[in-house]
Amino acid sequence: MHAYDVYLITTLANINDYRQGQKFLSRHGDSEVIHRVTSIINRKFSSVEQDGWTHVLQTSAFYPKLNIQQKRERLDEAGHRLVRWFTLPS
């Protein structure tokens, strides 16, 4: 999956997608796949400066009329959402 695809999925999902994802994580939280995905998110998407979001910023289709600060704000919001999705409530 490409970084820009991760961004699109993150921003297009709604609250029901989040709830469904949380149920899925609670059922399969010990899965190796879930651990790998969580690791990738933490290493590449948990802050705007990481590689995953850097690749999104380099994509010409990523809001071409916005300035770099506006783009970073969009990515920061998406990053927080993505990390929240892959964190189960205590």
Protein backbone atom coordinates (compact mmCIF):
# COMPACT_ATOMS: atom_id res chain seq x y z
CA MET A 1 0.00 0.00 0.00
CA HIS A 2 1.28 3.46 -0.81
CA ALA A 3 1.49 6.27 1.72
CA TYR A 4 -1.03 8.37 -0.21
CA ASP A 5 -3.50 5.47 -0.06
CA VAL A 6 -3.07 5.38 3.72
CA TYR A 7 -3.87 9.09 3.82
CA LEU A 8 -6.99 8.70 1.68
CA ILE A 9 -8.31 5.79 3.72
CA THR A 10 -7.64 7.66 6.94
CA THR A 11 -9.47 10.80 5.86
CA LEU A 12 -12.42 9.10 4.17
CA ALA A 13 -13.29 6.78 7.04
CA ASN A 14 -16.10 7.73 9.39
CA ILE A 15 -17.00 7.01 13.01
CA ASN A 16 -18.63 3.70 12.15
CA ASP A 17 -15.42 2.59 10.43
CA TYR A 18 -13.53 3.53 13.59
CA ARG A 19 -15.90 1.56 15.82
CA GLN A 20 -15.73 -1.45 13.55
CA GLY A 21 -11.94 -1.21 13.55
CA GLN A 22 -11.82 -1.09 17.33
CA LYS A 23 -13.94 -4.24 17.53
CA PHE A 24 -11.64 -5.92 15.04
CA LEU A 25 -8.56 -4.91 17.05
CA SER A 26 -10.05 -6.16 20.30
CA ARG A 27 -10.75 -9.55 18.69
CA HIS A 28 -7.44 -9.85 16.84
CA GLY A 29 -5.05 -7.71 18.87
CA ASP A 30 -2.64 -10.59 19.37
CA SER A 31 -2.36 -11.22 15.61
CA GLU A 32 1.09 -10.88 14.05
CA VAL A 33 -0.43 -8.87 11.19
CA ILE A 34 -1.90 -6.33 13.64
CA HIS A 35 1.46 -6.05 15.40
CA ARG A 36 3.20 -5.44 12.06
CA VAL A 37 0.68 -2.80 11.00
CA THR A 38 0.93 -1.05 14.37
CA SER A 39 4.71 -1.07 14.07
CA ILE A 40 4.57 0.43 10.56
CA ILE A 41 2.18 3.15 11.72
CA ASN A 42 4.40 4.01 14.67
CA ARG A 43 7.56 4.05 12.54
CA LYS A 44 6.22 5.78 9.43
CA PHE A 45 2.98 7.62 10.21
CA SER A 46 2.78 8.76 13.84
CA SER A 47 4.23 12.22 13.12
CA VAL A 48 4.40 14.48 10.08
CA GLU A 49 8.20 14.22 9.93
CA GLN A 50 8.21 10.46 9.40
CA ASP A 51 8.77 8.73 6.04
CA GLY A 52 5.16 7.78 5.35
CA TRP A 53 3.88 11.35 5.50
CA THR A 54 6.97 12.66 3.70
CA HIS A 55 5.96 10.49 0.76
CA VAL A 56 2.44 11.93 0.86
CA LEU A 57 3.86 15.48 0.84
CA GLN A 58 5.87 14.61 -2.26
CA THR A 59 2.78 13.40 -4.12
CA SER A 60 1.74 16.00 -6.68
CA ALA A 61 -1.94 15.10 -6.22
CA PHE A 62 -1.85 15.96 -2.52
CA TYR A 63 -3.71 19.29 -2.37
CA PRO A 64 -1.58 21.05 -5.00
CA LYS A 65 -3.06 24.48 -4.16
CA LEU A 66 -2.24 24.37 -0.45
CA ASN A 67 1.00 25.68 0.98
CA ILE A 68 3.35 23.39 2.89
CA GLN A 69 2.01 24.43 6.32
CA GLN A 70 -1.58 23.72 5.31
CA LYS A 71 -0.52 20.34 3.94
CA ARG A 72 1.31 19.52 7.17
CA GLU A 73 -1.80 20.39 9.17
CA ARG A 74 -3.85 17.95 7.09
CA LEU A 75 -1.21 15.25 7.60
CA ASP A 76 -0.98 15.91 11.32
CA GLU A 77 -4.72 15.42 11.67
CA ALA A 78 -4.59 12.21 9.64
CA GLY A 79 -1.64 10.95 11.68
CA HIS A 80 -3.44 11.46 14.98
CA ARG A 81 -6.49 9.67 13.62
CA LEU A 82 -4.43 6.73 12.35
CA VAL A 83 -2.57 6.27 15.64
CA ARG A 84 -5.85 6.49 17.56
CA TRP A 85 -7.36 3.78 15.35
CA PHE A 86 -4.57 1.37 16.20
CA THR A 87 -4.65 2.03 19.92
CA LEU A 88 -7.12 0.03 21.94
CA PRO A 89 -8.78 1.74 24.91
CA SER A 90 -7.36 0.65 28.27
